[in-house]
Amino acid sequence: MLGFGGHFLTKARRYSVTFGQLRATRATYRREEDDEPADTISVGTLTYIGSGWLTEGDALLANTVARQRRESRRIGREELAHETWLIGAAA
């Protein structure tokens, strides 16, 4: 990693901070930090609003894209089959 030949966890301790030191520092920070800062808003519930498209235009666009994708895949499969047939016929 970045010029070091080997796994990043096998670096010698004299070259960088060890992962044990990082974990210990992170654990200490988490223990000492406030539970929730004053400027944080917590939302405790979620409500199901519905499913589907918002407008008929959204539905039309989505269905058009899906139809174009299906058509593109069908044409791709036909072209691949045609190329395979040409290669087999030439052999």
N, C-alpha and C. Protein backbone atom coordinates (compact mmCIF):
# COMPACT_ATOMS: atom_id res chain seq x y z
N MET A 1 0.84 -1.17 0.00
CA MET A 1 0.00 0.00 0.00
C MET A 1 0.89 1.24 0.00
N LEU A 2 0.75 2.05 -1.00
CA LEU A 2 1.53 3.28 -1.15
C LEU A 2 3.03 3.00 -1.07
N GLY A 3 3.50 2.06 -1.86
CA GLY A 3 4.92 1.79 -1.91
C GLY A 3 5.40 0.73 -0.95
N PHE A 4 4.54 0.26 -0.07
CA PHE A 4 4.93 -0.77 0.88
C PHE A 4 4.56 -2.12 0.29
N GLY A 5 5.53 -3.00 0.14
CA GLY A 5 5.27 -4.33 -0.42
C GLY A 5 4.74 -5.26 0.66
N GLY A 6 3.48 -5.46 0.73
CA GLY A 6 2.89 -6.34 1.72
C GLY A 6 1.55 -5.82 2.18
N HIS A 7 0.95 -6.56 3.08
CA HIS A 7 -0.36 -6.18 3.59
C HIS A 7 -0.22 -4.96 4.50
N PHE A 8 -1.22 -4.09 4.47
CA PHE A 8 -1.11 -2.84 5.23
C PHE A 8 -1.06 -3.08 6.74
N LEU A 9 -1.54 -4.22 7.22
CA LEU A 9 -1.47 -4.49 8.66
C LEU A 9 -0.12 -5.05 9.09
N THR A 10 0.75 -5.36 8.13
CA THR A 10 2.04 -5.94 8.49
C THR A 10 3.14 -4.88 8.57
N LYS A 11 2.79 -3.60 8.51
CA LYS A 11 3.80 -2.56 8.59
C LYS A 11 4.48 -2.59 9.96
N ALA A 12 5.75 -2.25 9.97
CA ALA A 12 6.48 -2.20 11.23
C ALA A 12 5.94 -1.06 12.08
N ARG A 13 5.93 -1.23 13.39
CA ARG A 13 5.36 -0.24 14.30
C ARG A 13 6.12 1.08 14.30
N ARG A 14 7.39 1.05 13.96
CA ARG A 14 8.16 2.30 14.00
C ARG A 14 7.80 3.24 12.86
N TYR A 15 7.11 2.77 11.84
CA TYR A 15 6.79 3.61 10.70
C TYR A 15 5.48 4.37 10.84
N SER A 16 4.55 3.88 11.66
CA SER A 16 3.27 4.55 11.75
C SER A 16 2.58 4.20 13.06
N VAL A 17 1.44 4.82 13.25
CA VAL A 17 0.60 4.53 14.42
C VAL A 17 0.03 3.14 14.24
N THR A 18 0.01 2.35 15.31
CA THR A 18 -0.53 1.00 15.19
C THR A 18 -2.05 1.05 15.23
N PHE A 19 -2.68 0.01 14.70
CA PHE A 19 -4.13 -0.05 14.71
C PHE A 19 -4.67 -0.20 16.13
N GLY A 20 -3.90 -0.81 17.01
CA GLY A 20 -4.31 -0.90 18.42
C GLY A 20 -4.40 0.48 19.05
N GLN A 21 -3.44 1.35 18.75
CA GLN A 21 -3.48 2.72 19.26
C GLN A 21 -4.67 3.47 18.69
N LEU A 22 -4.95 3.29 17.42
CA LEU A 22 -6.11 3.95 16.82
C LEU A 22 -7.41 3.48 17.46
N ARG A 23 -7.56 2.17 17.67
CA ARG A 23 -8.77 1.64 18.29
C ARG A 23 -8.93 2.17 19.71
N ALA A 24 -7.84 2.21 20.46
CA ALA A 24 -7.91 2.69 21.84
C ALA A 24 -8.30 4.17 21.88
N THR A 25 -7.71 4.97 21.01
CA THR A 25 -8.05 6.40 20.95
C THR A 25 -9.51 6.59 20.57
N ARG A 26 -10.00 5.82 19.59
CA ARG A 26 -11.39 5.92 19.16
C ARG A 26 -12.34 5.52 20.29
N ALA A 27 -12.01 4.46 21.02
CA ALA A 27 -12.86 4.02 22.12
C ALA A 27 -12.90 5.06 23.23
N THR A 28 -11.77 5.67 23.54
CA THR A 28 -11.72 6.71 24.56
C THR A 28 -12.56 7.91 24.13
N TYR A 29 -12.44 8.30 22.88
CA TYR A 29 -13.21 9.43 22.37
C TYR A 29 -14.70 9.15 22.47
N ARG A 30 -15.12 7.95 22.07
CA ARG A 30 -16.54 7.60 22.11
C ARG A 30 -17.08 7.58 23.54
N ARG A 31 -16.27 7.13 24.47
CA ARG A 31 -16.70 7.10 25.87
C ARG A 31 -16.86 8.50 26.44
N GLU A 32 -16.01 9.41 26.03
CA GLU A 32 -15.98 10.75 26.63
C GLU A 32 -16.86 11.77 25.91
N GLU A 33 -17.29 11.50 24.68
CA GLU A 33 -18.08 12.50 23.97
C GLU A 33 -19.50 12.57 24.53
N ASP A 34 -20.15 13.69 24.30
CA ASP A 34 -21.53 13.87 24.73
C ASP A 34 -22.42 12.88 23.98
N ASP A 35 -23.53 12.51 24.63
CA ASP A 35 -24.46 11.58 23.99
C ASP A 35 -25.03 12.16 22.71
N GLU A 36 -25.45 13.41 22.77
CA GLU A 36 -26.07 14.02 21.60
C GLU A 36 -25.82 15.52 21.63
N PRO A 37 -25.18 16.04 20.60
CA PRO A 37 -24.96 17.49 20.56
C PRO A 37 -26.28 18.25 20.53
N ALA A 38 -26.25 19.50 20.96
CA ALA A 38 -27.47 20.30 21.06
C ALA A 38 -28.08 20.62 19.69
N ASP A 39 -27.26 20.64 18.65
CA ASP A 39 -27.79 20.99 17.33
C ASP A 39 -28.23 19.78 16.50
N THR A 40 -28.35 18.62 17.14
CA THR A 40 -28.77 17.41 16.43
C THR A 40 -30.24 17.13 16.72
N ILE A 41 -30.98 16.83 15.67
CA ILE A 41 -32.39 16.48 15.82
C ILE A 41 -32.53 14.99 15.55
N SER A 42 -33.17 14.28 16.46
CA SER A 42 -33.39 12.86 16.29
C SER A 42 -34.83 12.61 15.89
N VAL A 43 -35.01 11.77 14.87
CA VAL A 43 -36.34 11.38 14.44
C VAL A 43 -36.53 9.94 14.88
N GLY A 44 -37.56 9.71 15.69
CA GLY A 44 -37.74 8.39 16.26
C GLY A 44 -38.70 7.49 15.50
N THR A 45 -39.48 8.02 14.59
CA THR A 45 -40.44 7.18 13.89
C THR A 45 -40.39 7.43 12.39
N LEU A 46 -40.71 6.42 11.65
CA LEU A 46 -40.84 6.52 10.21
C LEU A 46 -42.25 6.12 9.84
N THR A 47 -42.79 6.75 8.85
CA THR A 47 -44.16 6.47 8.43
C THR A 47 -44.17 6.09 6.96
N TYR A 48 -44.91 5.04 6.62
CA TYR A 48 -45.06 4.62 5.23
C TYR A 48 -46.03 5.58 4.55
N ILE A 49 -45.57 6.19 3.48
CA ILE A 49 -46.40 7.16 2.77
C ILE A 49 -47.08 6.52 1.58
N GLY A 50 -46.40 5.63 0.92
CA GLY A 50 -47.00 4.98 -0.24
C GLY A 50 -45.94 4.48 -1.19
N SER A 51 -46.39 3.87 -2.27
CA SER A 51 -45.46 3.39 -3.28
C SER A 51 -45.99 3.77 -4.65
N GLY A 52 -45.14 3.65 -5.63
CA GLY A 52 -45.54 3.98 -6.98
C GLY A 52 -44.97 5.31 -7.41
N TRP A 53 -45.41 5.76 -8.56
CA TRP A 53 -44.91 7.00 -9.13
C TRP A 53 -45.73 8.18 -8.62
N LEU A 54 -45.12 9.33 -8.53
CA LEU A 54 -45.81 10.52 -8.06
C LEU A 54 -46.80 11.05 -9.09
N THR A 55 -46.41 10.98 -10.35
CA THR A 55 -47.30 11.48 -11.41
C THR A 55 -47.37 10.45 -12.53
N GLU A 56 -48.33 10.63 -13.42
CA GLU A 56 -48.43 9.74 -14.57
C GLU A 56 -47.25 9.93 -15.51
N GLY A 57 -46.70 11.14 -15.54
CA GLY A 57 -45.52 11.41 -16.35
C GLY A 57 -44.32 10.60 -15.88
N ASP A 58 -44.13 10.51 -14.56
CA ASP A 58 -43.05 9.69 -14.01
C ASP A 58 -43.22 8.24 -14.41
N ALA A 59 -44.43 7.73 -14.33
CA ALA A 59 -44.71 6.34 -14.70
C ALA A 59 -44.43 6.12 -16.18
N LEU A 60 -44.84 7.07 -17.02
CA LEU A 60 -44.62 6.96 -18.45
C LEU A 60 -43.13 6.93 -18.78
N LEU A 61 -42.36 7.82 -18.16
CA LEU A 61 -40.91 7.84 -18.39
C LEU A 61 -40.26 6.53 -17.95
N ALA A 62 -40.62 6.04 -16.77
CA ALA A 62 -40.03 4.80 -16.26
C ALA A 62 -40.38 3.62 -17.16
N ASN A 63 -41.62 3.54 -17.60
CA ASN A 63 -42.02 2.44 -18.47
C ASN A 63 -41.36 2.53 -19.84
N THR A 64 -41.17 3.73 -20.33
CA THR A 64 -40.49 3.91 -21.62
C THR A 64 -39.04 3.46 -21.54
N VAL A 65 -38.35 3.86 -20.49
CA VAL A 65 -36.96 3.45 -20.31
C VAL A 65 -36.86 1.94 -20.17
N ALA A 66 -37.75 1.34 -19.41
CA ALA A 66 -37.74 -0.12 -19.23
C ALA A 66 -37.96 -0.82 -20.57
N ARG A 67 -38.90 -0.33 -21.37
CA ARG A 67 -39.18 -0.94 -22.67
C ARG A 67 -37.97 -0.81 -23.59
N GLN A 68 -37.31 0.37 -23.60
CA GLN A 68 -36.12 0.57 -24.44
C GLN A 68 -34.99 -0.36 -24.01
N ARG A 69 -34.85 -0.54 -22.72
CA ARG A 69 -33.79 -1.43 -22.22
C ARG A 69 -34.05 -2.88 -22.63
N ARG A 70 -35.32 -3.32 -22.50
CA ARG A 70 -35.64 -4.68 -22.93
C ARG A 70 -35.37 -4.87 -24.42
N GLU A 71 -35.74 -3.88 -25.22
CA GLU A 71 -35.53 -3.95 -26.66
C GLU A 71 -34.04 -3.99 -26.99
N SER A 72 -33.25 -3.16 -26.30
CA SER A 72 -31.81 -3.12 -26.52
C SER A 72 -31.18 -4.47 -26.19
N ARG A 73 -31.59 -5.08 -25.10
CA ARG A 73 -31.06 -6.39 -24.72
C ARG A 73 -31.45 -7.45 -25.74
N ARG A 74 -32.70 -7.39 -26.23
CA ARG A 74 -33.16 -8.36 -27.22
C ARG A 74 -32.32 -8.24 -28.49
N ILE A 75 -32.09 -7.02 -28.96
CA ILE A 75 -31.28 -6.80 -30.16
C ILE A 75 -29.85 -7.28 -29.93
N GLY A 76 -29.30 -7.02 -28.76
CA GLY A 76 -27.95 -7.48 -28.44
C GLY A 76 -27.84 -8.99 -28.48
N ARG A 77 -28.84 -9.68 -27.92
CA ARG A 77 -28.83 -11.15 -27.95
C ARG A 77 -28.91 -11.66 -29.39
N GLU A 78 -29.76 -11.03 -30.21
CA GLU A 78 -29.87 -11.45 -31.60
C GLU A 78 -28.56 -11.23 -32.36
N GLU A 79 -27.90 -10.10 -32.13
CA GLU A 79 -26.62 -9.82 -32.80
C GLU A 79 -25.56 -10.81 -32.36
N LEU A 80 -25.52 -11.12 -31.08
CA LEU A 80 -24.54 -12.08 -30.58
C LEU A 80 -24.78 -13.46 -31.19
N ALA A 81 -26.04 -13.86 -31.28
CA ALA A 81 -26.36 -15.15 -31.89
C ALA A 81 -25.96 -15.15 -33.37
N HIS A 82 -26.19 -14.04 -34.07
CA HIS A 82 -25.83 -13.94 -35.48
C HIS A 82 -24.32 -14.03 -35.66
N GLU A 83 -23.55 -13.34 -34.81
CA GLU A 83 -22.08 -13.40 -34.90
C GLU A 83 -21.60 -14.80 -34.62
N THR A 84 -22.19 -15.48 -33.64
CA THR A 84 -21.79 -16.85 -33.30
C THR A 84 -22.07 -17.77 -34.49
N TRP A 85 -23.20 -17.55 -35.15
CA TRP A 85 -23.55 -18.37 -36.32
C TRP A 85 -22.55 -18.13 -37.46
N LEU A 86 -22.15 -16.84 -37.66
CA LEU A 86 -21.19 -16.54 -38.71
C LEU A 86 -19.83 -17.19 -38.44
N ILE A 87 -19.39 -17.17 -37.20
CA ILE A 87 -18.11 -17.78 -36.84
C ILE A 87 -18.18 -19.29 -37.05
N GLY A 88 -19.31 -19.90 -36.65
CA GLY A 88 -19.47 -21.35 -36.83
C GLY A 88 -19.55 -21.74 -38.29
N ALA A 89 -20.18 -20.91 -39.12
CA ALA A 89 -20.30 -21.21 -40.54
C ALA A 89 -18.96 -21.09 -41.26
N ALA A 90 -18.10 -20.18 -40.79
CA ALA A 90 -16.81 -19.98 -41.44
C ALA A 90 -15.82 -21.09 -41.11
N ALA A 91 -16.03 -21.78 -40.01
CA ALA A 91 -15.07 -22.81 -39.58
C ALA A 91 -15.21 -24.08 -40.31
